[in-house]
Amino acid sequence: MNLNQLEILHLLQETNYNLTKTAEKMHVVQSAVSRQLMMLEEEIGTPLFMRHGKRLLGPTRLCEQILAEVDSVNQAKRNIRQIADDYLDIRNGTLHIATTHTQARYFLPTPISRFREKFPWIKIYMEQSSPLNLINLLHQHKADIAICTERMVEDEKLVLKPCYKWHHIVIVPKGHELLQGEITLHRLVDFPILTYSQGFTGRSNIEKAFNNVGIMLDITLAAADSDVIKTYVRLGYGIGIISSMSYEPHIDSDMVALDLSHLIPVSTTKLAYLKQSYLPSYMRYFIEQLESSSPENY
């Protein structure tokens, strides 16, 4: 058994057990991959894959256990590279961030600016995706850190840390009748409501607030992007329930923001990274900036 054979197992899993694609990734011919796989199975003493002719259909139960160990080996290899680069102060690192549009647009500019001042040589790659997919990007090693509000649940392979707390607001055009009198959830549902899609930016807390007072929430327009919601409020589609940090007074001066923190539970944005990952000094610094930066204070 050698590292080359373990890499074949890893790539087979990554390519959905496609021998041709695995060979391409390893820059060898397919017969070489098949030969290495056969040698590994002979050494172990049993087939590792279910087959139909020469085509691999999927891993056996034994192979699934082996693949979990292979993932640990690959993580160790990544950590060794990171430890060596950190020790030698090699200035060619990368920071892969997985996050949502709202965090990328409204929260991350300040901590990233501070990070760039201290580590100008580090390349930053930002992957914007749905909250449901952010954790997958961590597990697939396509991101170093994930940042979002929704879907950050306990996972034994992850470190989860609270980043900052924030609340929702309702935005309305100037002169809107909601500007007169007390704001209540019952008054809000008298108007078409524009807010976030399921799973984005505290949508679960919005639903919880209305459910707690027995109101069926009827959404006229849902979007993942705060800017899209603001656009359609401007077009007169209804009132917008968005995150407080998404309202920019110097840009959104044609609208008025009304606080909903007394009506909708406070939301917490969290950061996550793999527990087994070695965090180089620049990544630890970035996490510190995330934990100390709150858009409420800008």
C-alpha atoms as a PDB file:
ATOM      1  CA  MET A   1       0.000   0.000   0.000  1.00  0.00           C
ATOM      2  CA  ASN A   2       1.367   3.416  -0.927  1.00  0.00           C
ATOM      3  CA  LEU A   3       0.249   7.045  -0.954  1.00  0.00           C
ATOM      4  CA  ASN A   4      -0.323   6.904  -4.701  1.00  0.00           C
ATOM      5  CA  GLN A   5      -2.927   4.170  -4.256  1.00  0.00           C
ATOM      6  CA  LEU A   6      -4.612   6.107  -1.458  1.00  0.00           C
ATOM      7  CA  GLU A   7      -4.741   9.162  -3.725  1.00  0.00           C
ATOM      8  CA  ILE A   8      -6.497   7.017  -6.346  1.00  0.00           C
ATOM      9  CA  LEU A   9      -9.161   6.081  -3.789  1.00  0.00           C
ATOM     10  CA  HIS A  10      -9.618   9.740  -2.891  1.00  0.00           C
ATOM     11  CA  LEU A  11      -9.940  10.838  -6.514  1.00  0.00           C
ATOM     12  CA  LEU A  12     -12.314   8.003  -7.347  1.00  0.00           C
ATOM     13  CA  GLN A  13     -14.617   9.247  -4.608  1.00  0.00           C
ATOM     14  CA  GLU A  14     -14.243  12.830  -5.849  1.00  0.00           C
ATOM     15  CA  THR A  15     -15.103  11.853  -9.459  1.00  0.00           C
ATOM     16  CA  ASN A  16     -18.036   9.608  -8.494  1.00  0.00           C
ATOM     17  CA  TYR A  17     -15.889   6.515  -9.148  1.00  0.00           C
ATOM     18  CA  ASN A  18     -15.038   7.422 -12.719  1.00  0.00           C
ATOM     19  CA  LEU A  19     -11.758   5.742 -13.743  1.00  0.00           C
ATOM     20  CA  THR A  20     -11.232   7.967 -16.781  1.00  0.00           C
ATOM     21  CA  LYS A  21     -11.609  11.226 -14.849  1.00  0.00           C
ATOM     22  CA  THR A  22      -9.405   9.881 -12.036  1.00  0.00           C
ATOM     23  CA  ALA A  23      -6.666   9.034 -14.542  1.00  0.00           C
ATOM     24  CA  GLU A  24      -6.935  12.533 -16.042  1.00  0.00           C
ATOM     25  CA  LYS A  25      -6.542  14.135 -12.621  1.00  0.00           C
ATOM     26  CA  MET A  26      -3.444  11.999 -11.976  1.00  0.00           C
ATOM     27  CA  HIS A  27      -2.064  12.682 -15.487  1.00  0.00           C
ATOM     28  CA  VAL A  28      -1.727   8.963 -16.263  1.00  0.00           C
ATOM     29  CA  VAL A  29      -3.511   6.511 -18.544  1.00  0.00           C
ATOM     30  CA  GLN A  30      -6.596   4.704 -17.252  1.00  0.00           C
ATOM     31  CA  SER A  31      -4.902   1.309 -17.358  1.00  0.00           C
ATOM     32  CA  ALA A  32      -2.315   2.560 -14.848  1.00  0.00           C
ATOM     33  CA  VAL A  33      -5.073   3.537 -12.404  1.00  0.00           C
ATOM     34  CA  SER A  34      -6.818   0.180 -12.870  1.00  0.00           C
ATOM     35  CA  ARG A  35      -3.546  -1.674 -12.285  1.00  0.00           C
ATOM     36  CA  GLN A  36      -2.800   0.235  -9.051  1.00  0.00           C
ATOM     37  CA  LEU A  37      -6.329  -0.374  -7.839  1.00  0.00           C
ATOM     38  CA  MET A  38      -6.036  -4.102  -8.569  1.00  0.00           C
ATOM     39  CA  MET A  39      -2.738  -4.281  -6.668  1.00  0.00           C
ATOM     40  CA  LEU A  40      -4.322  -2.563  -3.670  1.00  0.00           C
ATOM     41  CA  GLU A  41      -7.289  -4.951  -3.672  1.00  0.00           C
ATOM     42  CA  GLU A  42      -4.931  -7.932  -3.904  1.00  0.00           C
ATOM     43  CA  GLU A  43      -2.959  -6.649  -0.922  1.00  0.00           C
ATOM     44  CA  ILE A  44      -6.101  -6.086   1.145  1.00  0.00           C
ATOM     45  CA  GLY A  45      -7.545  -9.408   0.035  1.00  0.00           C
ATOM     46  CA  THR A  46     -10.999  -8.332  -1.109  1.00  0.00           C
ATOM     47  CA  PRO A  47     -12.621  -6.100  -3.758  1.00  0.00           C
ATOM     48  CA  LEU A  48     -13.117  -2.492  -2.692  1.00  0.00           C
ATOM     49  CA  PHE A  49     -15.720  -1.587  -5.306  1.00  0.00           C
ATOM     50  CA  MET A  50     -18.912  -3.017  -6.710  1.00  0.00           C
ATOM     51  CA  ARG A  51     -18.511  -3.437 -10.458  1.00  0.00           C
ATOM     52  CA  HIS A  52     -20.460  -3.908 -13.665  1.00  0.00           C
ATOM     53  CA  GLY A  53     -17.895  -5.175 -16.115  1.00  0.00           C
ATOM     54  CA  LYS A  54     -15.019  -2.700 -15.948  1.00  0.00           C
ATOM     55  CA  ARG A  55     -17.211   0.096 -14.614  1.00  0.00           C
ATOM     56  CA  LEU A  56     -17.128   0.937 -10.902  1.00  0.00           C
ATOM     57  CA  LEU A  57     -20.612   1.262  -9.402  1.00  0.00           C
ATOM     58  CA  GLY A  58     -19.588   2.362  -5.922  1.00  0.00           C
ATOM     59  CA  PRO A  59     -17.583   1.445  -2.808  1.00  0.00           C
ATOM     60  CA  THR A  60     -18.105  -1.645  -0.672  1.00  0.00           C
ATOM     61  CA  ARG A  61     -18.741  -1.172   3.058  1.00  0.00           C
ATOM     62  CA  LEU A  62     -15.083  -1.923   3.744  1.00  0.00           C
ATOM     63  CA  CYS A  63     -14.045   0.692   1.191  1.00  0.00           C
ATOM     64  CA  GLU A  64     -16.298   3.311   2.824  1.00  0.00           C
ATOM     65  CA  GLN A  65     -14.384   2.780   6.091  1.00  0.00           C
ATOM     66  CA  ILE A  66     -11.066   2.959   4.265  1.00  0.00           C
ATOM     67  CA  LEU A  67     -12.115   6.175   2.502  1.00  0.00           C
ATOM     68  CA  ALA A  68     -12.748   7.804   5.890  1.00  0.00           C
ATOM     69  CA  GLU A  69      -9.142   6.977   6.858  1.00  0.00           C
ATOM     70  CA  VAL A  70      -7.886   8.223   3.476  1.00  0.00           C
ATOM     71  CA  ASP A  71      -9.578  11.549   4.170  1.00  0.00           C
ATOM     72  CA  SER A  72      -7.636  11.729   7.466  1.00  0.00           C
ATOM     73  CA  VAL A  73      -4.389  11.008   5.616  1.00  0.00           C
ATOM     74  CA  ASN A  74      -5.106  13.764   3.093  1.00  0.00           C
ATOM     75  CA  GLN A  75      -5.962  16.170   5.897  1.00  0.00           C
ATOM     76  CA  ALA A  76      -2.635  15.337   7.544  1.00  0.00           C
ATOM     77  CA  LYS A  77      -0.832  16.058   4.249  1.00  0.00           C
ATOM     78  CA  ARG A  78      -2.566  19.437   3.982  1.00  0.00           C
ATOM     79  CA  ASN A  79      -1.695  20.243   7.593  1.00  0.00           C
ATOM     80  CA  ILE A  80       1.968  19.333   7.075  1.00  0.00           C
ATOM     81  CA  ARG A  81       2.159  21.716   4.124  1.00  0.00           C
ATOM     82  CA  GLN A  82       0.489  24.486   6.135  1.00  0.00           C
ATOM     83  CA  ILE A  83       2.752  23.923   9.163  1.00  0.00           C
ATOM     84  CA  ALA A  84       5.886  24.021   7.000  1.00  0.00           C
ATOM     85  CA  ASP A  85       4.778  27.154   5.131  1.00  0.00           C
ATOM     86  CA  ASP A  86       3.854  28.850   8.398  1.00  0.00           C
ATOM     87  CA  TYR A  87       7.181  27.966  10.007  1.00  0.00           C
ATOM     88  CA  LEU A  88       9.172  29.147   6.971  1.00  0.00           C
ATOM     89  CA  ASP A  89       6.984  32.265   6.650  1.00  0.00           C
ATOM     90  CA  ILE A  90       6.352  31.489   2.987  1.00  0.00           C
ATOM     91  CA  ARG A  91       4.362  34.380   1.564  1.00  0.00           C
ATOM     92  CA  ASN A  92       2.223  32.706  -1.034  1.00  0.00           C
ATOM     93  CA  GLY A  93      -0.757  31.463   0.966  1.00  0.00           C
ATOM     94  CA  THR A  94      -4.438  31.552   0.054  1.00  0.00           C
ATOM     95  CA  LEU A  95      -7.580  32.116   2.078  1.00  0.00           C
ATOM     96  CA  HIS A  96     -10.737  30.443   0.772  1.00  0.00           C
ATOM     97  CA  ILE A  97     -13.931  31.907   2.243  1.00  0.00           C
ATOM     98  CA  ALA A  98     -17.374  30.388   1.714  1.00  0.00           C
ATOM     99  CA  THR A  99     -20.227  32.726   2.548  1.00  0.00           C
ATOM    100  CA  THR A 100     -23.529  34.237   1.447  1.00  0.00           C
ATOM    101  CA  HIS A 101     -24.091  37.420  -0.552  1.00  0.00           C
ATOM    102  CA  THR A 102     -25.243  39.378   2.516  1.00  0.00           C
ATOM    103  CA  GLN A 103     -22.081  38.582   4.507  1.00  0.00           C
ATOM    104  CA  ALA A 104     -19.815  39.190   1.491  1.00  0.00           C
ATOM    105  CA  ARG A 105     -21.474  42.485   0.605  1.00  0.00           C
ATOM    106  CA  TYR A 106     -22.135  44.074   4.000  1.00  0.00           C
ATOM    107  CA  PHE A 107     -20.034  42.399   6.712  1.00  0.00           C
ATOM    108  CA  LEU A 108     -16.781  41.133   5.218  1.00  0.00           C
ATOM    109  CA  PRO A 109     -15.324  44.324   3.641  1.00  0.00           C
ATOM    110  CA  THR A 110     -14.087  45.645   7.014  1.00  0.00           C
ATOM    111  CA  PRO A 111     -12.390  42.465   8.357  1.00  0.00           C
ATOM    112  CA  ILE A 112     -10.951  41.739   4.897  1.00  0.00           C
ATOM    113  CA  SER A 113      -9.537  45.274   4.663  1.00  0.00           C
ATOM    114  CA  ARG A 114      -7.827  44.830   8.044  1.00  0.00           C
ATOM    115  CA  PHE A 115      -6.547  41.436   6.941  1.00  0.00           C
ATOM    116  CA  ARG A 116      -5.121  42.863   3.703  1.00  0.00           C
ATOM    117  CA  GLU A 117      -3.246  45.552   5.627  1.00  0.00           C
ATOM    118  CA  LYS A 118      -1.395  42.906   7.638  1.00  0.00           C
ATOM    119  CA  PHE A 119      -1.118  40.151   5.001  1.00  0.00           C
ATOM    120  CA  PRO A 120      -1.107  41.869   1.573  1.00  0.00           C
ATOM    121  CA  TRP A 121       0.564  38.865  -0.079  1.00  0.00           C
ATOM    122  CA  ILE A 122      -2.205  36.384   0.795  1.00  0.00           C
ATOM    123  CA  LYS A 123      -4.648  35.691  -2.045  1.00  0.00           C
ATOM    124  CA  ILE A 124      -8.328  35.691  -1.115  1.00  0.00           C
ATOM    125  CA  TYR A 125     -10.903  33.555  -2.884  1.00  0.00           C
ATOM    126  CA  MET A 126     -14.543  34.050  -2.002  1.00  0.00           C
ATOM    127  CA  GLU A 127     -17.186  31.448  -2.847  1.00  0.00           C
ATOM    128  CA  GLN A 128     -20.745  32.731  -2.551  1.00  0.00           C
ATOM    129  CA  SER A 129     -23.266  29.966  -2.104  1.00  0.00           C
ATOM    130  CA  SER A 130     -26.421  28.963  -0.282  1.00  0.00           C
ATOM    131  CA  PRO A 131     -26.128  28.365   3.478  1.00  0.00           C
ATOM    132  CA  LEU A 132     -26.989  24.707   2.873  1.00  0.00           C
ATOM    133  CA  ASN A 133     -23.928  24.290   0.640  1.00  0.00           C
ATOM    134  CA  LEU A 134     -21.390  26.213   2.747  1.00  0.00           C
ATOM    135  CA  ILE A 135     -20.703  23.326   5.125  1.00  0.00           C
ATOM    136  CA  ASN A 136     -20.312  20.985   2.137  1.00  0.00           C
ATOM    137  CA  LEU A 137     -17.607  23.283   0.778  1.00  0.00           C
ATOM    138  CA  LEU A 138     -15.702  22.912   4.058  1.00  0.00           C
ATOM    139  CA  HIS A 139     -15.975  19.125   4.015  1.00  0.00           C
ATOM    140  CA  GLN A 140     -14.904  19.057   0.360  1.00  0.00           C
ATOM    141  CA  HIS A 141     -11.844  21.189   1.273  1.00  0.00           C
ATOM    142  CA  LYS A 142     -12.965  23.892  -1.166  1.00  0.00           C
ATOM    143  CA  ALA A 143     -13.152  26.449   1.658  1.00  0.00           C
ATOM    144  CA  ASP A 144     -11.091  27.172   4.773  1.00  0.00           C
ATOM    145  CA  ILE A 145     -13.772  29.148   6.608  1.00  0.00           C
ATOM    146  CA  ALA A 146     -17.549  29.318   6.189  1.00  0.00           C
ATOM    147  CA  ILE A 147     -19.560  32.329   7.397  1.00  0.00           C
ATOM    148  CA  CYS A 148     -23.340  32.540   7.563  1.00  0.00           C
ATOM    149  CA  THR A 149     -26.375  32.780   9.828  1.00  0.00           C
ATOM    150  CA  GLU A 150     -28.612  29.896   8.784  1.00  0.00           C
ATOM    151  CA  ARG A 151     -27.851  26.162   8.632  1.00  0.00           C
ATOM    152  CA  MET A 152     -24.842  26.317  10.946  1.00  0.00           C
ATOM    153  CA  VAL A 153     -25.697  23.268  13.040  1.00  0.00           C
ATOM    154  CA  GLU A 154     -23.546  21.192  15.339  1.00  0.00           C
ATOM    155  CA  ASP A 155     -21.135  18.973  13.393  1.00  0.00           C
ATOM    156  CA  GLU A 156     -18.534  16.872  15.177  1.00  0.00           C
ATOM    157  CA  LYS A 157     -15.977  17.628  12.460  1.00  0.00           C
ATOM    158  CA  LEU A 158     -16.374  21.403  12.721  1.00  0.00           C
ATOM    159  CA  VAL A 159     -15.435  24.196  15.083  1.00  0.00           C
ATOM    160  CA  LEU A 160     -18.359  26.647  15.290  1.00  0.00           C
ATOM    161  CA  LYS A 161     -17.902  30.128  16.732  1.00  0.00           C
ATOM    162  CA  PRO A 162     -20.381  32.987  17.115  1.00  0.00           C
ATOM    163  CA  CYS A 163     -19.286  35.930  15.043  1.00  0.00           C
ATOM    164  CA  TYR A 164     -21.740  38.752  15.756  1.00  0.00           C
ATOM    165  CA  LYS A 165     -25.402  39.362  16.526  1.00  0.00           C
ATOM    166  CA  TRP A 166     -27.756  41.426  14.398  1.00  0.00           C
ATOM    167  CA  HIS A 167     -31.463  42.184  13.980  1.00  0.00           C
ATOM    168  CA  HIS A 168     -34.000  42.727  11.221  1.00  0.00           C
ATOM    169  CA  ILE A 169     -35.564  45.960  10.040  1.00  0.00           C
ATOM    170  CA  VAL A 170     -38.431  46.792   7.737  1.00  0.00           C
ATOM    171  CA  ILE A 171     -37.756  49.242   4.917  1.00  0.00           C
ATOM    172  CA  VAL A 172     -40.529  51.362   3.417  1.00  0.00           C
ATOM    173  CA  PRO A 173     -40.699  54.281   0.971  1.00  0.00           C
ATOM    174  CA  LYS A 174     -40.781  57.779   2.431  1.00  0.00           C
ATOM    175  CA  GLY A 175     -44.293  58.831   3.418  1.00  0.00           C
ATOM    176  CA  HIS A 176     -45.457  55.236   3.936  1.00  0.00           C
ATOM    177  CA  GLU A 177     -48.322  54.798   6.398  1.00  0.00           C
ATOM    178  CA  LEU A 178     -46.236  52.422   8.568  1.00  0.00           C
ATOM    179  CA  LEU A 179     -44.268  55.485   9.636  1.00  0.00           C
ATOM    180  CA  GLN A 180     -47.278  56.574  11.696  1.00  0.00           C
ATOM    181  CA  GLY A 181     -48.007  54.737  14.939  1.00  0.00           C
ATOM    182  CA  GLU A 182     -46.551  51.657  16.613  1.00  0.00           C
ATOM    183  CA  ILE A 183     -45.001  48.884  14.507  1.00  0.00           C
ATOM    184  CA  THR A 184     -46.494  45.432  15.161  1.00  0.00           C
ATOM    185  CA  LEU A 185     -46.403  42.159  13.255  1.00  0.00           C
ATOM    186  CA  HIS A 186     -50.152  42.427  12.725  1.00  0.00           C
ATOM    187  CA  ARG A 187     -49.669  45.785  10.991  1.00  0.00           C
ATOM    188  CA  LEU A 188     -46.854  44.430   8.817  1.00  0.00           C
ATOM    189  CA  VAL A 189     -49.015  41.678   7.291  1.00  0.00           C
ATOM    190  CA  ASP A 190     -51.471  44.283   6.045  1.00  0.00           C
ATOM    191  CA  PHE A 191     -48.901  44.978   3.289  1.00  0.00           C
ATOM    192  CA  PRO A 192     -47.170  42.758   0.697  1.00  0.00           C
ATOM    193  CA  ILE A 193     -43.982  41.452   2.333  1.00  0.00           C
ATOM    194  CA  LEU A 194     -40.670  41.097   0.526  1.00  0.00           C
ATOM    195  CA  THR A 195     -37.936  39.206   2.367  1.00  0.00           C
ATOM    196  CA  TYR A 196     -35.305  36.469   2.154  1.00  0.00           C
ATOM    197  CA  SER A 197     -35.615  33.055   0.545  1.00  0.00           C
ATOM    198  CA  GLN A 198     -35.872  29.981   2.767  1.00  0.00           C
ATOM    199  CA  GLY A 199     -32.577  29.326   4.539  1.00  0.00           C
ATOM    200  CA  PHE A 200     -31.089  32.798   4.002  1.00  0.00           C
ATOM    201  CA  THR A 201     -30.231  35.634   6.394  1.00  0.00           C
ATOM    202  CA  GLY A 202     -32.386  34.860   9.412  1.00  0.00           C
ATOM    203  CA  ARG A 203     -35.505  33.815   7.480  1.00  0.00           C
ATOM    204  CA  SER A 204     -36.160  31.132  10.124  1.00  0.00           C
ATOM    205  CA  ASN A 205     -36.306  33.818  12.851  1.00  0.00           C
ATOM    206  CA  ILE A 206     -38.738  35.875  10.785  1.00  0.00           C
ATOM    207  CA  GLU A 207     -41.041  32.870  10.422  1.00  0.00           C
ATOM    208  CA  LYS A 208     -40.694  32.041  14.121  1.00  0.00           C
ATOM    209  CA  ALA A 209     -41.774  35.548  15.137  1.00  0.00           C
ATOM    210  CA  PHE A 210     -44.952  35.460  13.041  1.00  0.00           C
ATOM    211  CA  ASN A 211     -45.765  31.866  14.025  1.00  0.00           C
ATOM    212  CA  ASN A 212     -45.475  32.745  17.720  1.00  0.00           C
ATOM    213  CA  VAL A 213     -48.336  35.229  17.398  1.00  0.00           C
ATOM    214  CA  GLY A 214     -50.415  32.952  15.173  1.00  0.00           C
ATOM    215  CA  ILE A 215     -49.894  34.831  11.894  1.00  0.00           C
ATOM    216  CA  MET A 216     -49.465  32.969   8.623  1.00  0.00           C
ATOM    217  CA  LEU A 217     -46.582  34.669   6.834  1.00  0.00           C
ATOM    218  CA  ASP A 218     -47.445  35.376   3.191  1.00  0.00           C
ATOM    219  CA  ILE A 219     -44.370  36.358   1.175  1.00  0.00           C
ATOM    220  CA  THR A 220     -44.983  38.294  -2.036  1.00  0.00           C
ATOM    221  CA  LEU A 221     -41.362  38.156  -3.192  1.00  0.00           C
ATOM    222  CA  ALA A 222     -38.432  36.197  -1.766  1.00  0.00           C
ATOM    223  CA  ALA A 223     -34.773  36.633  -2.716  1.00  0.00           C
ATOM    224  CA  ALA A 224     -31.368  35.618  -1.391  1.00  0.00           C
ATOM    225  CA  ASP A 225     -29.957  39.094  -1.971  1.00  0.00           C
ATOM    226  CA  SER A 226     -30.766  42.174   0.161  1.00  0.00           C
ATOM    227  CA  ASP A 227     -30.116  44.451  -2.803  1.00  0.00           C
ATOM    228  CA  VAL A 228     -32.774  42.643  -4.843  1.00  0.00           C
ATOM    229  CA  ILE A 229     -35.322  43.120  -2.039  1.00  0.00           C
ATOM    230  CA  LYS A 230     -34.491  46.832  -1.831  1.00  0.00           C
ATOM    231  CA  THR A 231     -34.879  47.181  -5.596  1.00  0.00           C
ATOM    232  CA  TYR A 232     -38.431  45.839  -5.543  1.00  0.00           C
ATOM    233  CA  VAL A 233     -39.409  47.905  -2.519  1.00  0.00           C
ATOM    234  CA  ARG A 234     -38.391  50.915  -4.607  1.00  0.00           C
ATOM    235  CA  LEU A 235     -40.601  49.648  -7.426  1.00  0.00           C
ATOM    236  CA  GLY A 236     -43.578  49.617  -5.069  1.00  0.00           C
ATOM    237  CA  TYR A 237     -43.996  45.842  -4.718  1.00  0.00           C
ATOM    238  CA  GLY A 238     -44.355  46.056  -0.939  1.00  0.00           C
ATOM    239  CA  ILE A 239     -42.395  46.452   2.297  1.00  0.00           C
ATOM    240  CA  GLY A 240     -39.027  44.763   2.795  1.00  0.00           C
ATOM    241  CA  ILE A 241     -37.856  42.832   5.858  1.00  0.00           C
ATOM    242  CA  ILE A 242     -34.066  42.713   5.657  1.00  0.00           C
ATOM    243  CA  SER A 243     -30.998  42.588   7.904  1.00  0.00           C
ATOM    244  CA  SER A 244     -30.154  45.836   9.662  1.00  0.00           C
ATOM    245  CA  MET A 245     -26.629  45.896   8.189  1.00  0.00           C
ATOM    246  CA  SER A 246     -28.094  45.858   4.660  1.00  0.00           C
ATOM    247  CA  TYR A 247     -29.556  49.339   5.057  1.00  0.00           C
ATOM    248  CA  GLU A 248     -27.051  52.016   4.028  1.00  0.00           C
ATOM    249  CA  PRO A 249     -28.402  55.504   4.871  1.00  0.00           C
ATOM    250  CA  HIS A 250     -26.182  57.299   2.338  1.00  0.00           C
ATOM    251  CA  ILE A 251     -27.349  54.991  -0.464  1.00  0.00           C
ATOM    252  CA  ASP A 252     -30.865  54.105   0.689  1.00  0.00           C
ATOM    253  CA  SER A 253     -31.919  57.639   1.603  1.00  0.00           C
ATOM    254  CA  ASP A 254     -35.072  57.259  -0.510  1.00  0.00           C
ATOM    255  CA  MET A 255     -36.337  54.686   2.022  1.00  0.00           C
ATOM    256  CA  VAL A 256     -36.877  54.645   5.774  1.00  0.00           C
ATOM    257  CA  ALA A 257     -35.715  51.803   8.029  1.00  0.00           C
ATOM    258  CA  LEU A 258     -37.818  50.801  11.042  1.00  0.00           C
ATOM    259  CA  ASP A 259     -36.367  48.663  13.826  1.00  0.00           C
ATOM    260  CA  LEU A 260     -37.877  45.182  14.358  1.00  0.00           C
ATOM    261  CA  SER A 261     -35.534  43.966  17.108  1.00  0.00           C
ATOM    262  CA  HIS A 262     -38.441  43.994  19.592  1.00  0.00           C
ATOM    263  CA  LEU A 263     -40.527  41.787  17.287  1.00  0.00           C
ATOM    264  CA  ILE A 264     -38.146  39.346  15.596  1.00  0.00           C
ATOM    265  CA  PRO A 265     -35.535  37.336  17.562  1.00  0.00           C
ATOM    266  CA  VAL A 266     -31.928  38.445  17.274  1.00  0.00           C
ATOM    267  CA  SER A 267     -29.898  36.447  14.731  1.00  0.00           C
ATOM    268  CA  THR A 268     -26.327  35.254  15.175  1.00  0.00           C
ATOM    269  CA  THR A 269     -23.877  34.948  12.319  1.00  0.00           C
ATOM    270  CA  LYS A 270     -21.342  32.184  12.898  1.00  0.00           C
ATOM    271  CA  LEU A 271     -18.058  31.054  11.419  1.00  0.00           C
ATOM    272  CA  ALA A 272     -16.963  27.451  10.980  1.00  0.00           C
ATOM    273  CA  TYR A 273     -13.835  25.542  10.016  1.00  0.00           C
ATOM    274  CA  LEU A 274     -12.699  21.917  10.089  1.00  0.00           C
ATOM    275  CA  LYS A 275     -11.596  20.767  13.518  1.00  0.00           C
ATOM    276  CA  GLN A 276      -8.644  18.777  12.170  1.00  0.00           C
ATOM    277  CA  SER A 277      -7.280  21.621  10.043  1.00  0.00           C
ATOM    278  CA  TYR A 278      -4.073  23.368  11.010  1.00  0.00           C
ATOM    279  CA  LEU A 279      -4.727  27.099  10.942  1.00  0.00           C
ATOM    280  CA  PRO A 280      -1.716  29.127   9.782  1.00  0.00           C
ATOM    281  CA  SER A 281      -1.054  32.442  11.493  1.00  0.00           C
ATOM    282  CA  TYR A 282      -2.776  34.512   8.797  1.00  0.00           C
ATOM    283  CA  MET A 283      -5.947  32.420   9.082  1.00  0.00           C
ATOM    284  CA  ARG A 284      -5.989  32.751  12.874  1.00  0.00           C
ATOM    285  CA  TYR A 285      -5.643  36.513  12.460  1.00  0.00           C
ATOM    286  CA  PHE A 286      -8.563  36.613  10.025  1.00  0.00           C
ATOM    287  CA  ILE A 287     -10.759  34.688  12.462  1.00  0.00           C
ATOM    288  CA  GLU A 288      -9.849  37.206  15.169  1.00  0.00           C
ATOM    289  CA  GLN A 289     -10.984  40.015  12.862  1.00  0.00           C
ATOM    290  CA  LEU A 290     -14.268  38.244  12.205  1.00  0.00           C
ATOM    291  CA  GLU A 291     -14.913  37.853  15.919  1.00  0.00           C
ATOM    292  CA  SER A 292     -14.077  41.488  16.706  1.00  0.00           C
ATOM    293  CA  SER A 293     -15.917  43.104  13.774  1.00  0.00           C
ATOM    294  CA  SER A 294     -19.603  43.918  14.073  1.00  0.00           C
ATOM    295  CA  PRO A 295     -21.438  45.771  11.309  1.00  0.00           C
ATOM    296  CA  GLU A 296     -23.627  47.313  14.005  1.00  0.00           C
ATOM    297  CA  ASN A 297     -20.610  49.388  15.037  1.00  0.00           C
ATOM    298  CA  TYR A 298     -19.716  50.767  11.615  1.00  0.00           C
END
